[in-house]
N, C-alpha and C. Protein backbone atom coordinates (compact mmCIF):
# COMPACT_ATOMS: atom_id res chain seq x y z
N UNK A 1 49.61 2.94 -110.21
CA UNK A 1 51.01 2.88 -110.44
C UNK A 1 51.68 1.85 -109.49
N UNK A 2 52.37 0.91 -110.02
CA UNK A 2 52.99 -0.14 -109.17
C UNK A 2 54.29 0.41 -108.63
N UNK A 3 54.56 0.33 -107.32
CA UNK A 3 55.79 0.86 -106.75
C UNK A 3 56.96 0.02 -107.23
N UNK A 4 58.10 0.64 -107.48
CA UNK A 4 59.30 -0.09 -107.84
C UNK A 4 59.89 -0.72 -106.63
N UNK A 5 60.22 -1.97 -106.77
CA UNK A 5 60.81 -2.74 -105.65
C UNK A 5 62.31 -2.48 -105.64
N UNK A 6 62.83 -2.13 -104.49
CA UNK A 6 64.26 -1.96 -104.32
C UNK A 6 64.85 -3.09 -103.52
N UNK A 7 65.76 -3.78 -104.12
CA UNK A 7 66.38 -4.94 -103.38
C UNK A 7 67.75 -4.57 -102.87
N UNK A 8 68.07 -5.11 -101.69
CA UNK A 8 69.40 -4.87 -101.18
C UNK A 8 70.33 -5.97 -101.74
N UNK A 9 71.58 -5.94 -101.38
CA UNK A 9 72.57 -6.92 -101.89
C UNK A 9 72.20 -8.33 -101.51
N UNK A 10 71.80 -8.55 -100.30
CA UNK A 10 71.42 -9.90 -99.84
C UNK A 10 70.21 -10.43 -100.63
N UNK A 11 69.20 -9.60 -100.82
CA UNK A 11 67.99 -10.01 -101.57
C UNK A 11 68.33 -10.33 -102.97
N UNK A 12 69.24 -9.52 -103.58
CA UNK A 12 69.64 -9.77 -104.94
C UNK A 12 70.36 -11.15 -105.08
N UNK A 13 71.20 -11.44 -104.09
CA UNK A 13 71.83 -12.77 -104.02
C UNK A 13 70.85 -13.91 -103.97
N UNK A 14 69.89 -13.72 -103.10
CA UNK A 14 68.82 -14.81 -103.01
C UNK A 14 68.09 -14.96 -104.32
N UNK A 15 67.72 -13.85 -104.93
CA UNK A 15 66.98 -13.93 -106.22
C UNK A 15 67.85 -14.61 -107.27
N UNK A 16 69.11 -14.31 -107.32
CA UNK A 16 70.00 -14.97 -108.29
C UNK A 16 70.15 -16.43 -108.01
N UNK A 17 70.26 -16.81 -106.76
CA UNK A 17 70.36 -18.21 -106.40
C UNK A 17 69.08 -19.00 -106.76
N UNK A 18 67.95 -18.31 -106.55
CA UNK A 18 66.65 -18.96 -106.97
C UNK A 18 66.62 -19.14 -108.47
N UNK A 19 66.94 -18.13 -109.22
CA UNK A 19 66.83 -18.14 -110.65
C UNK A 19 67.82 -19.13 -111.29
N UNK A 20 68.99 -19.39 -110.66
CA UNK A 20 69.99 -20.29 -111.22
C UNK A 20 69.83 -21.69 -110.67
N UNK A 21 68.86 -21.90 -109.73
CA UNK A 21 68.65 -23.24 -109.23
C UNK A 21 69.65 -23.63 -108.13
N UNK A 22 70.35 -22.70 -107.63
CA UNK A 22 71.40 -23.00 -106.58
C UNK A 22 70.82 -23.24 -105.20
N UNK A 23 69.53 -22.89 -104.98
CA UNK A 23 68.91 -23.13 -103.65
C UNK A 23 68.56 -24.60 -103.59
N UNK A 24 68.84 -25.19 -102.43
CA UNK A 24 68.60 -26.57 -102.19
C UNK A 24 67.64 -26.70 -100.96
N UNK A 25 66.72 -27.65 -101.02
CA UNK A 25 65.78 -27.84 -99.86
C UNK A 25 66.53 -28.26 -98.59
N UNK A 26 66.08 -27.89 -97.49
CA UNK A 26 66.64 -28.21 -96.23
C UNK A 26 65.96 -29.42 -95.63
N UNK A 27 66.67 -30.16 -94.74
CA UNK A 27 66.06 -31.29 -94.04
C UNK A 27 65.08 -30.75 -93.04
N UNK A 28 64.07 -31.51 -92.73
CA UNK A 28 63.05 -31.10 -91.76
C UNK A 28 62.48 -29.75 -92.10
N UNK A 29 62.07 -29.59 -93.33
CA UNK A 29 61.62 -28.27 -93.77
C UNK A 29 60.35 -27.76 -93.03
N UNK A 30 59.46 -28.70 -92.61
CA UNK A 30 58.31 -28.23 -91.87
C UNK A 30 58.69 -27.68 -90.50
N UNK A 31 59.70 -28.29 -89.86
CA UNK A 31 60.15 -27.79 -88.54
C UNK A 31 60.83 -26.41 -88.75
N UNK A 32 61.63 -26.34 -89.83
CA UNK A 32 62.30 -25.06 -90.12
C UNK A 32 61.37 -23.94 -90.40
N UNK A 33 60.30 -24.23 -91.18
CA UNK A 33 59.30 -23.21 -91.53
C UNK A 33 58.63 -22.76 -90.24
N UNK A 34 58.24 -23.71 -89.40
CA UNK A 34 57.57 -23.34 -88.15
C UNK A 34 58.47 -22.50 -87.26
N UNK A 35 59.76 -22.83 -87.18
CA UNK A 35 60.72 -22.08 -86.36
C UNK A 35 60.83 -20.65 -86.92
N UNK A 36 60.99 -20.53 -88.23
CA UNK A 36 61.13 -19.22 -88.80
C UNK A 36 59.86 -18.35 -88.68
N UNK A 37 58.74 -18.99 -88.77
CA UNK A 37 57.46 -18.27 -88.60
C UNK A 37 57.39 -17.70 -87.23
N UNK A 38 57.79 -18.47 -86.23
CA UNK A 38 57.75 -18.07 -84.83
C UNK A 38 58.69 -16.89 -84.64
N UNK A 39 59.94 -16.98 -85.14
CA UNK A 39 60.91 -15.89 -85.03
C UNK A 39 60.35 -14.64 -85.69
N UNK A 40 59.78 -14.76 -86.89
CA UNK A 40 59.23 -13.59 -87.59
C UNK A 40 58.12 -12.96 -86.85
N UNK A 41 57.21 -13.73 -86.24
CA UNK A 41 56.13 -13.19 -85.48
C UNK A 41 56.63 -12.41 -84.24
N UNK A 42 57.60 -12.97 -83.55
CA UNK A 42 58.21 -12.34 -82.39
C UNK A 42 58.91 -11.04 -82.78
N UNK A 43 59.58 -11.07 -83.95
CA UNK A 43 60.35 -9.94 -84.44
C UNK A 43 59.46 -8.76 -84.76
N UNK A 44 58.29 -9.01 -85.35
CA UNK A 44 57.48 -7.94 -85.80
C UNK A 44 56.26 -7.73 -84.94
N UNK A 45 56.24 -8.36 -83.78
CA UNK A 45 55.09 -8.11 -82.84
C UNK A 45 55.19 -6.66 -82.40
N UNK A 46 54.10 -6.03 -82.55
CA UNK A 46 53.99 -4.58 -82.13
C UNK A 46 53.40 -4.54 -80.77
N UNK A 47 54.25 -4.57 -79.78
CA UNK A 47 53.83 -4.60 -78.37
C UNK A 47 54.23 -3.34 -77.52
N UNK A 48 54.77 -2.39 -78.25
CA UNK A 48 55.20 -1.15 -77.57
C UNK A 48 54.77 0.05 -78.41
N UNK A 49 54.54 1.16 -77.77
CA UNK A 49 54.11 2.37 -78.47
C UNK A 49 55.27 3.39 -78.32
N UNK A 50 55.46 4.18 -79.40
CA UNK A 50 56.43 5.26 -79.43
C UNK A 50 55.74 6.49 -79.93
N UNK A 51 55.77 7.55 -79.17
CA UNK A 51 55.20 8.84 -79.53
C UNK A 51 56.35 9.80 -79.67
N UNK A 52 56.48 10.45 -80.77
CA UNK A 52 57.57 11.36 -81.06
C UNK A 52 56.99 12.66 -81.68
N UNK A 53 57.72 13.73 -81.52
CA UNK A 53 57.35 14.97 -82.19
C UNK A 53 58.42 15.25 -83.26
N UNK A 54 57.98 15.45 -84.47
CA UNK A 54 58.85 15.76 -85.55
C UNK A 54 58.34 17.03 -86.34
N UNK A 55 59.15 17.63 -87.10
CA UNK A 55 58.73 18.79 -87.87
C UNK A 55 57.70 18.39 -88.91
N UNK A 56 56.82 19.30 -89.23
CA UNK A 56 55.87 19.04 -90.27
C UNK A 56 56.52 18.72 -91.59
N UNK A 57 57.63 19.34 -91.85
CA UNK A 57 58.36 19.09 -93.10
C UNK A 57 58.88 17.62 -93.16
N UNK A 58 59.47 17.14 -92.05
CA UNK A 58 59.88 15.76 -92.03
C UNK A 58 58.68 14.79 -92.09
N UNK A 59 57.57 15.11 -91.49
CA UNK A 59 56.40 14.26 -91.55
C UNK A 59 55.92 14.20 -92.99
N UNK A 60 55.87 15.28 -93.67
CA UNK A 60 55.39 15.27 -95.12
C UNK A 60 56.36 14.48 -95.98
N UNK A 61 57.67 14.64 -95.76
CA UNK A 61 58.65 13.87 -96.53
C UNK A 61 58.51 12.38 -96.22
N UNK A 62 58.31 12.06 -94.97
CA UNK A 62 58.11 10.64 -94.55
C UNK A 62 56.85 10.01 -95.23
N UNK A 63 55.79 10.80 -95.25
CA UNK A 63 54.59 10.37 -95.85
C UNK A 63 54.75 10.19 -97.41
N UNK A 64 55.49 11.11 -97.94
CA UNK A 64 55.80 11.02 -99.42
C UNK A 64 56.59 9.76 -99.74
N UNK A 65 57.59 9.48 -98.96
CA UNK A 65 58.41 8.29 -99.18
C UNK A 65 57.61 7.00 -98.91
N UNK A 66 56.70 7.03 -97.96
CA UNK A 66 55.86 5.87 -97.70
C UNK A 66 54.98 5.64 -98.91
N UNK A 67 54.41 6.71 -99.48
CA UNK A 67 53.53 6.58 -100.64
C UNK A 67 54.30 6.03 -101.82
N UNK A 68 55.55 6.42 -101.98
CA UNK A 68 56.40 5.83 -103.05
C UNK A 68 56.59 4.33 -102.84
N UNK A 69 56.67 3.93 -101.60
CA UNK A 69 56.86 2.45 -101.28
C UNK A 69 55.51 1.75 -101.28
N UNK A 70 54.42 2.47 -101.29
CA UNK A 70 53.11 1.86 -101.32
C UNK A 70 52.60 1.32 -100.00
N UNK A 71 53.10 1.88 -98.89
CA UNK A 71 52.73 1.42 -97.55
C UNK A 71 52.36 2.58 -96.71
N UNK A 72 51.55 2.35 -95.63
CA UNK A 72 51.18 3.45 -94.71
C UNK A 72 52.47 4.08 -94.10
N UNK A 73 52.39 5.37 -93.82
CA UNK A 73 53.62 6.09 -93.38
C UNK A 73 54.08 5.55 -91.98
N UNK A 74 53.12 5.17 -91.10
CA UNK A 74 53.52 4.63 -89.77
C UNK A 74 54.29 3.34 -89.94
N UNK A 75 53.79 2.47 -90.86
CA UNK A 75 54.53 1.25 -91.07
C UNK A 75 55.86 1.51 -91.69
N UNK A 76 55.96 2.50 -92.59
CA UNK A 76 57.23 2.82 -93.17
C UNK A 76 58.17 3.34 -92.08
N UNK A 77 57.70 4.21 -91.22
CA UNK A 77 58.56 4.74 -90.14
C UNK A 77 59.05 3.62 -89.27
N UNK A 78 58.19 2.71 -88.87
CA UNK A 78 58.59 1.55 -88.04
C UNK A 78 59.67 0.74 -88.75
N UNK A 79 59.50 0.54 -90.08
CA UNK A 79 60.43 -0.24 -90.86
C UNK A 79 61.83 0.42 -90.91
N UNK A 80 61.79 1.75 -91.09
CA UNK A 80 63.05 2.49 -91.12
C UNK A 80 63.76 2.37 -89.77
N UNK A 81 63.06 2.56 -88.71
CA UNK A 81 63.60 2.45 -87.36
C UNK A 81 64.13 1.01 -87.10
N UNK A 82 63.42 0.00 -87.53
CA UNK A 82 63.87 -1.40 -87.36
C UNK A 82 65.17 -1.62 -88.13
N UNK A 83 65.20 -1.16 -89.39
CA UNK A 83 66.41 -1.37 -90.20
C UNK A 83 67.63 -0.62 -89.56
N UNK A 84 67.37 0.57 -89.01
CA UNK A 84 68.44 1.30 -88.44
C UNK A 84 69.05 0.57 -87.24
N UNK A 85 68.18 0.21 -86.30
CA UNK A 85 68.64 -0.38 -85.01
C UNK A 85 69.17 -1.81 -85.25
N UNK A 86 68.79 -2.45 -86.37
CA UNK A 86 69.35 -3.81 -86.63
C UNK A 86 70.59 -3.77 -87.54
N UNK A 87 70.97 -2.48 -87.94
CA UNK A 87 72.20 -2.33 -88.75
C UNK A 87 71.98 -2.62 -90.23
N UNK A 88 70.76 -2.67 -90.67
CA UNK A 88 70.52 -2.93 -92.11
C UNK A 88 70.05 -1.73 -92.95
N UNK A 89 70.12 -0.55 -92.34
CA UNK A 89 69.66 0.63 -93.13
C UNK A 89 70.74 0.97 -94.13
N UNK A 90 70.33 0.95 -95.43
CA UNK A 90 71.18 1.22 -96.57
C UNK A 90 70.63 2.39 -97.33
N UNK A 91 71.40 3.34 -97.57
CA UNK A 91 70.97 4.52 -98.40
C UNK A 91 70.71 4.09 -99.79
N UNK A 92 69.58 4.48 -100.36
CA UNK A 92 69.23 4.18 -101.71
C UNK A 92 69.45 5.34 -102.62
N UNK A 93 69.91 6.42 -102.13
CA UNK A 93 70.08 7.62 -102.98
C UNK A 93 71.52 7.95 -103.25
């Protein structure tokens, strides 16, 4: 079963711009790609460990949601924390 992809408002705007041909190439695209790759690698570098204790109920719910998204639950938990601390956590329910 393929997981349903949920897009936020920004992602929907990007998809719409792509589909309508509104996206335009940038100058020095190779430099821009390299810069963005570097930023992405630094953003998602896993260089710290976090150990927490949560209820078994919350862990089961977390694992179930991760399964719905089609990703490992620890990756899902890290993603949720990242979205929260960066101000991008949006309720989908």
